[in-house]
C-alpha atoms as a PDB file:
ATOM      1  CA  MET A   1     100.954  93.696  66.846  1.00  0.00           C
ATOM      2  CA  LYS A   2      98.376  93.338  69.618  1.00  0.00           C
ATOM      3  CA  LYS A   3      94.813  94.496  69.293  1.00  0.00           C
ATOM      4  CA  ARG A   4      93.744  97.789  70.824  1.00  0.00           C
ATOM      5  CA  VAL A   5      93.307  97.650  74.597  1.00  0.00           C
ATOM      6  CA  LEU A   6      89.663  97.650  75.688  1.00  0.00           C
ATOM      7  CA  PRO A   7      88.242  98.696  79.052  1.00  0.00           C
ATOM      8  CA  TYR A   8      88.411  95.860  81.541  1.00  0.00           C
ATOM      9  CA  PRO A   9      85.125  94.571  82.945  1.00  0.00           C
ATOM     10  CA  PRO A  10      84.590  96.398  86.261  1.00  0.00           C
ATOM     11  CA  ASP A  11      84.381  93.156  88.232  1.00  0.00           C
ATOM     12  CA  CYS A  12      87.553  91.555  86.817  1.00  0.00           C
ATOM     13  CA  ALA A  13      91.144  92.193  87.809  1.00  0.00           C
ATOM     14  CA  PRO A  14      93.408  93.218  84.916  1.00  0.00           C
ATOM     15  CA  PRO A  15      95.397  90.297  83.522  1.00  0.00           C
ATOM     16  CA  LEU A  16      99.145  89.850  83.839  1.00  0.00           C
ATOM     17  CA  LEU A  17     100.557  90.932  80.477  1.00  0.00           C
ATOM     18  CA  CYS A  18     103.705  88.792  80.513  1.00  0.00           C
ATOM     19  CA  PRO A  19     102.676  85.259  81.586  1.00  0.00           C
ATOM     20  CA  ASP A  20     105.338  83.665  79.376  1.00  0.00           C
ATOM     21  CA  LEU A  21     108.335  85.435  80.966  1.00  0.00           C
ATOM     22  CA  LYS A  22     109.921  82.753  83.156  1.00  0.00           C
ATOM     23  CA  PRO A  23     111.351  81.780  85.577  1.00  0.00           C
ATOM     24  CA  VAL A  24     109.465  83.901  88.099  1.00  0.00           C
ATOM     25  CA  LEU A  25     111.429  84.624  91.281  1.00  0.00           C
ATOM     26  CA  THR A  26     110.432  86.982  94.080  1.00  0.00           C
ATOM     27  CA  ALA A  27     113.328  89.299  94.951  1.00  0.00           C
ATOM     28  CA  HIS A  28     111.429  91.399  97.522  1.00  0.00           C
ATOM     29  CA  LYS A  29     108.018  91.347  99.151  1.00  0.00           C
ATOM     30  CA  ASN A  30     106.247  93.784 101.480  1.00  0.00           C
ATOM     31  CA  PRO A  31     102.581  94.472 102.334  1.00  0.00           C
ATOM     32  CA  TRP A  32     102.124  96.709  99.266  1.00  0.00           C
ATOM     33  CA  PHE A  33     104.039  95.160  96.348  1.00  0.00           C
ATOM     34  CA  LYS A  34     106.544  92.566  95.166  1.00  0.00           C
ATOM     35  CA  VAL A  35     109.685  92.932  93.103  1.00  0.00           C
ATOM     36  CA  ARG A  36     109.979  89.928  90.831  1.00  0.00           C
ATOM     37  CA  SER A  37     112.512  88.653  88.384  1.00  0.00           C
ATOM     38  CA  ARG A  38     110.758  87.399  85.254  1.00  0.00           C
ATOM     39  CA  GLY A  39     113.378  86.028  82.917  1.00  0.00           C
ATOM     40  CA  SER A  40     115.772  88.940  82.428  1.00  0.00           C
ATOM     41  CA  TYR A  41     113.263  91.598  83.589  1.00  0.00           C
ATOM     42  CA  TYR A  42     112.643  92.939  87.086  1.00  0.00           C
ATOM     43  CA  THR A  43     109.041  93.909  87.697  1.00  0.00           C
ATOM     44  CA  LEU A  44     107.151  95.853  90.351  1.00  0.00           C
ATOM     45  CA  GLU A  45     103.857  94.053  91.010  1.00  0.00           C
ATOM     46  CA  TYR A  46     100.997  94.986  93.323  1.00  0.00           C
ATOM     47  CA  ASP A  47      99.160  92.178  95.092  1.00  0.00           C
ATOM     48  CA  GLN A  48      95.784  93.788  94.366  1.00  0.00           C
ATOM     49  CA  PRO A  49      94.390  95.625  91.314  1.00  0.00           C
ATOM     50  CA  GLN A  50      95.108  99.364  91.146  1.00  0.00           C
ATOM     51  CA  VAL A  51      92.423 101.842  90.112  1.00  0.00           C
ATOM     52  CA  ALA A  52      92.173 105.500  89.125  1.00  0.00           C
ATOM     53  CA  ILE A  53      88.939 107.484  89.059  1.00  0.00           C
ATOM     54  CA  LEU A  54      88.291 110.401  86.697  1.00  0.00           C
ATOM     55  CA  PRO A  55      85.567 112.533  88.354  1.00  0.00           C
ATOM     56  CA  VAL A  56      83.944 114.839  85.792  1.00  0.00           C
ATOM     57  CA  LEU A  57      81.867 117.636  87.311  1.00  0.00           C
ATOM     58  CA  GLU A  58      78.893 118.874  85.267  1.00  0.00           C
ATOM     59  CA  GLY A  59      80.776 117.999  82.044  1.00  0.00           C
ATOM     60  CA  LYS A  60      83.005 121.058  82.517  1.00  0.00           C
ATOM     61  CA  SER A  61      85.591 120.320  85.218  1.00  0.00           C
ATOM     62  CA  VAL A  62      87.631 117.515  86.711  1.00  0.00           C
ATOM     63  CA  VAL A  63      87.594 117.043  90.459  1.00  0.00           C
ATOM     64  CA  MET A  64      91.261 116.877  91.457  1.00  0.00           C
ATOM     65  CA  LEU A  65      93.025 116.340  94.744  1.00  0.00           C
ATOM     66  CA  ARG A  66      96.145 117.844  96.228  1.00  0.00           C
ATOM     67  CA  VAL A  67      97.691 114.792  97.863  1.00  0.00           C
ATOM     68  CA  LYS A  68     100.614 114.652 100.294  1.00  0.00           C
ATOM     69  CA  ARG A  69     103.417 112.796  98.475  1.00  0.00           C
ATOM     70  CA  PRO A  70     106.428 112.689 100.827  1.00  0.00           C
ATOM     71  CA  LEU A  71     108.609 110.775  98.345  1.00  0.00           C
ATOM     72  CA  ILE A  72     108.570 113.712  95.930  1.00  0.00           C
ATOM     73  CA  ASP A  73     108.225 116.337  98.703  1.00  0.00           C
ATOM     74  CA  ASP A  74     105.122 117.862  97.127  1.00  0.00           C
ATOM     75  CA  CYS A  75     101.333 117.945  97.139  1.00  0.00           C
ATOM     76  CA  PRO A  76     100.699 117.554  93.385  1.00  0.00           C
ATOM     77  CA  LEU A  77      97.346 117.638  91.644  1.00  0.00           C
ATOM     78  CA  ASP A  78      96.120 114.084  91.322  1.00  0.00           C
ATOM     79  CA  ILE A  79      92.865 112.175  90.855  1.00  0.00           C
ATOM     80  CA  PRO A  80      91.380 109.653  93.291  1.00  0.00           C
ATOM     81  CA  GLY A  81      92.739 106.143  93.157  1.00  0.00           C
ATOM     82  CA  GLY A  82      94.562 103.368  94.937  1.00  0.00           C
ATOM     83  CA  GLY A  83      94.649  99.651  95.447  1.00  0.00           C
ATOM     84  CA  ALA A  84      91.866  97.162  95.970  1.00  0.00           C
ATOM     85  CA  LEU A  85      91.549  95.485  99.349  1.00  0.00           C
ATOM     86  CA  PRO A  86      91.497  91.674  99.454  1.00  0.00           C
ATOM     87  CA  GLY A  87      88.220  90.464  97.959  1.00  0.00           C
ATOM     88  CA  GLU A  88      87.384  93.787  96.302  1.00  0.00           C
ATOM     89  CA  THR A  89      86.712  93.977  92.594  1.00  0.00           C
ATOM     90  CA  PRO A  90      88.150  96.978  90.717  1.00  0.00           C
ATOM     91  CA  VAL A  91      84.782  98.778  90.730  1.00  0.00           C
ATOM     92  CA  MET A  92      84.364  98.165  94.460  1.00  0.00           C
ATOM     93  CA  ALA A  93      87.867  99.566  95.008  1.00  0.00           C
ATOM     94  CA  ALA A  94      87.028 102.587  92.855  1.00  0.00           C
ATOM     95  CA  MET A  95      83.882 103.283  94.868  1.00  0.00           C
ATOM     96  CA  ARG A  96      85.699 102.991  98.207  1.00  0.00           C
ATOM     97  CA  GLU A  97      88.785 104.989  97.178  1.00  0.00           C
ATOM     98  CA  PHE A  98      86.610 107.713  95.659  1.00  0.00           C
ATOM     99  CA  ALA A  99      84.549 108.037  98.853  1.00  0.00           C
ATOM    100  CA  GLU A 100      87.612 108.016 101.115  1.00  0.00           C
ATOM    101  CA  GLU A 101      89.564 110.572  99.095  1.00  0.00           C
ATOM    102  CA  THR A 102      86.777 112.989  98.109  1.00  0.00           C
ATOM    103  CA  GLY A 103      84.113 112.508 100.786  1.00  0.00           C
ATOM    104  CA  ILE A 104      81.556 111.900  98.006  1.00  0.00           C
ATOM    105  CA  ARG A 105      79.758 108.599  98.433  1.00  0.00           C
ATOM    106  CA  ILE A 106      78.214 107.117  95.293  1.00  0.00           C
ATOM    107  CA  LYS A 107      76.247 103.942  96.010  1.00  0.00           C
ATOM    108  CA  ASP A 108      75.496 102.873  92.421  1.00  0.00           C
ATOM    109  CA  PRO A 109      78.460 100.941  90.942  1.00  0.00           C
ATOM    110  CA  ALA A 110      77.019 101.417  87.437  1.00  0.00           C
ATOM    111  CA  ARG A 111      77.964 105.103  87.645  1.00  0.00           C
ATOM    112  CA  PHE A 112      81.653 104.118  87.653  1.00  0.00           C
ATOM    113  CA  VAL A 113      82.138 103.602  83.937  1.00  0.00           C
ATOM    114  CA  PRO A 114      85.255 101.672  82.830  1.00  0.00           C
ATOM    115  CA  GLU A 115      87.598 103.655  80.584  1.00  0.00           C
ATOM    116  CA  LEU A 116      90.593 102.410  78.630  1.00  0.00           C
ATOM    117  CA  PRO A 117      93.312 101.214  81.018  1.00  0.00           C
ATOM    118  CA  ILE A 118      96.797 102.725  80.952  1.00  0.00           C
ATOM    119  CA  SER A 119     100.327 101.572  81.609  1.00  0.00           C
ATOM    120  CA  GLU A 120     101.916 103.385  84.529  1.00  0.00           C
ATOM    121  CA  MET A 121     105.444 102.121  83.973  1.00  0.00           C
ATOM    122  CA  PRO A 122     105.786  99.830  80.910  1.00  0.00           C
ATOM    123  CA  GLY A 123     109.379  98.844  81.704  1.00  0.00           C
ATOM    124  CA  ARG A 124     108.540  97.608  85.203  1.00  0.00           C
ATOM    125  CA  MET A 125     104.807  97.026  85.727  1.00  0.00           C
ATOM    126  CA  PRO A 126     103.225  94.106  83.821  1.00  0.00           C
ATOM    127  CA  VAL A 127      99.608  95.022  84.665  1.00  0.00           C
ATOM    128  CA  LEU A 128      97.584  97.967  83.391  1.00  0.00           C
ATOM    129  CA  LEU A 129      95.862 100.476  85.652  1.00  0.00           C
ATOM    130  CA  SER A 130      92.047 100.213  85.660  1.00  0.00           C
ATOM    131  CA  VAL A 131      90.459 103.607  85.027  1.00  0.00           C
ATOM    132  CA  PHE A 132      86.868 104.561  85.832  1.00  0.00           C
ATOM    133  CA  ARG A 133      84.938 107.726  84.997  1.00  0.00           C
ATOM    134  CA  ILE A 134      82.251 109.096  87.295  1.00  0.00           C
ATOM    135  CA  ASP A 135      80.034 112.010  86.270  1.00  0.00           C
ATOM    136  CA  LEU A 136      79.065 114.235  89.184  1.00  0.00           C
ATOM    137  CA  THR A 137      76.495 116.945  89.768  1.00  0.00           C
ATOM    138  CA  ALA A 138      77.280 120.244  91.439  1.00  0.00           C
ATOM    139  CA  ALA A 139      75.027 119.192  94.342  1.00  0.00           C
ATOM    140  CA  GLU A 140      77.038 115.994  94.906  1.00  0.00           C
ATOM    141  CA  PHE A 141      80.297 117.953  94.856  1.00  0.00           C
ATOM    142  CA  LYS A 142      78.959 120.597  97.254  1.00  0.00           C
ATOM    143  CA  ALA A 143      77.584 117.967  99.700  1.00  0.00           C
ATOM    144  CA  ARG A 144      80.889 116.126 100.088  1.00  0.00           C
ATOM    145  CA  LYS A 145      81.859 114.936 103.574  1.00  0.00           C
ATOM    146  CA  PRO A 146      85.307 114.827 105.252  1.00  0.00           C
ATOM    147  CA  HIS A 147      88.068 112.994 103.378  1.00  0.00           C
ATOM    148  CA  ASP A 148      91.326 111.168 104.148  1.00  0.00           C
ATOM    149  CA  SER A 149      93.982 113.137 106.016  1.00  0.00           C
ATOM    150  CA  GLU A 150      96.509 112.635 103.194  1.00  0.00           C
ATOM    151  CA  ILE A 151      94.314 114.861 101.008  1.00  0.00           C
ATOM    152  CA  VAL A 152      95.304 118.522 101.430  1.00  0.00           C
ATOM    153  CA  SER A 153      92.504 119.955  99.281  1.00  0.00           C
ATOM    154  CA  ILE A 154      89.910 119.145  96.634  1.00  0.00           C
ATOM    155  CA  GLU A 155      89.573 121.371  93.564  1.00  0.00           C
ATOM    156  CA  ALA A 156      87.216 121.469  90.601  1.00  0.00           C
ATOM    157  CA  VAL A 157      89.531 122.321  87.693  1.00  0.00           C
ATOM    158  CA  PRO A 158      87.744 123.586  84.538  1.00  0.00           C
ATOM    159  CA  PHE A 159      88.773 121.875  81.289  1.00  0.00           C
ATOM    160  CA  PRO A 160      90.641 124.933  79.878  1.00  0.00           C
ATOM    161  CA  ASP A 161      92.616 125.232  83.124  1.00  0.00           C
ATOM    162  CA  LEU A 162      93.609 121.552  82.887  1.00  0.00           C
ATOM    163  CA  VAL A 163      95.470 122.324  79.669  1.00  0.00           C
ATOM    164  CA  LYS A 164      97.205 125.330  81.254  1.00  0.00           C
ATOM    165  CA  LYS A 165      98.168 123.344  84.349  1.00  0.00           C
ATOM    166  CA  ILE A 166      99.627 120.509  82.252  1.00  0.00           C
ATOM    167  CA  LEU A 167     101.583 122.952  80.067  1.00  0.00           C
ATOM    168  CA  ASN A 168     102.951 124.965  83.008  1.00  0.00           C
ATOM    169  CA  GLY A 169     103.929 121.819  84.949  1.00  0.00           C
ATOM    170  CA  GLU A 170     101.394 122.131  87.751  1.00  0.00           C
ATOM    171  CA  ILE A 171      99.903 118.782  86.681  1.00  0.00           C
ATOM    172  CA  TYR A 172     102.942 116.581  86.148  1.00  0.00           C
ATOM    173  CA  LEU A 173     102.034 113.016  87.137  1.00  0.00           C
ATOM    174  CA  GLY A 174     102.308 110.936  83.946  1.00  0.00           C
ATOM    175  CA  PRO A 175      99.269 108.658  84.359  1.00  0.00           C
ATOM    176  CA  ILE A 176      97.089 111.637  85.316  1.00  0.00           C
ATOM    177  CA  ILE A 177      98.179 113.560  82.219  1.00  0.00           C
ATOM    178  CA  ALA A 178      97.316 110.536  80.060  1.00  0.00           C
ATOM    179  CA  ILE A 179      93.858 110.132  81.617  1.00  0.00           C
ATOM    180  CA  ILE A 180      93.062 113.844  81.302  1.00  0.00           C
ATOM    181  CA  ALA A 181      94.421 113.969  77.735  1.00  0.00           C
ATOM    182  CA  ARG A 182      91.983 111.260  76.653  1.00  0.00           C
ATOM    183  CA  LEU A 183      89.119 113.204  78.185  1.00  0.00           C
ATOM    184  CA  LEU A 184      90.086 116.459  76.476  1.00  0.00           C
ATOM    185  CA  LEU A 185      90.966 114.917  73.107  1.00  0.00           C
ATOM    186  CA  ARG A 186      87.672 113.037  72.650  1.00  0.00           C
ATOM    187  CA  PRO A 187      85.698 116.049  71.375  1.00  0.00           C
ATOM    188  CA  LEU A 188      88.521 116.936  68.981  1.00  0.00           C
ATOM    189  CA  ALA A 189      88.585 113.408  67.587  1.00  0.00           C
ATOM    190  CA  ALA A 190      84.799 113.311  67.231  1.00  0.00           C
ATOM    191  CA  GLY A 191      84.386 116.691  65.558  1.00  0.00           C
ATOM    192  CA  GLY A 192      87.805 117.383  64.141  1.00  0.00           C
ATOM    193  CA  PRO A 193      88.621 117.759  60.451  1.00  0.00           C
ATOM    194  CA  LYS A 194      88.188 114.638  58.361  1.00  0.00           C
ATOM    195  CA  ASP A 195      91.293 112.885  57.093  1.00  0.00           C
ATOM    196  CA  LYS A 196      91.622 113.434  53.324  1.00  0.00           C
ATOM    197  CA  CYS A 197      93.490 110.182  52.676  1.00  0.00           C
END
C-alpha cells in the first residue's frame, strides 16, 4: 500500500502516477489533452498541470462560481481552476486562474497554500489535481473586478449552506464535493470524539 498523498510543492508539477505502464502510444492529441494507450489502459492526459483553488471567505464561506458548462447544459456551482500555461508552475496557474475567474487579484503566491491533491478520474487520469486554498477578507471579495465571460455569477456560500447544496444536488461536481468535504470535515476530525480502541 502506498503512503498517504501529501500536498505537492507549489512550484512542481504533479508526477505521473503510472510510469511503468508501457508501451505508451498516443491515440489522440489536441491543444488541450492527449488520449494515450498505456499497456492495456487508455488515459486522458493534460499537457499542463491542472489546478483547483478553494477560496475561503472570512473562515465562514466558500467563494463559488456559476460556470457555463455547455457539455452538461448547465451552470453548476464550481470553484476556480484550470490548466497551467506553458512555463507556469501550479501556484502561478492558481494565481492567474483565480484572478481571471473571480476578478480578485492576489499578488503574494505564499497566500495560495497547497492542500492535499485529489484524483479527478482514477480510471482514466494518471495525474492528481493540485489544490490550493486561499483565505480572503470581506474587503477583497467586495473589491473584485470583472471576471471571465464564462462565469455567470460569483457567490459566497456559507459553510452550512454548502452541506445543504451538496445534499440537495445543487453542488454535484465530484472533485468540488471532495475538496469542500475536506474543508468541512477538518473541525470534526480535530474536535470529534476520541476513538476508544
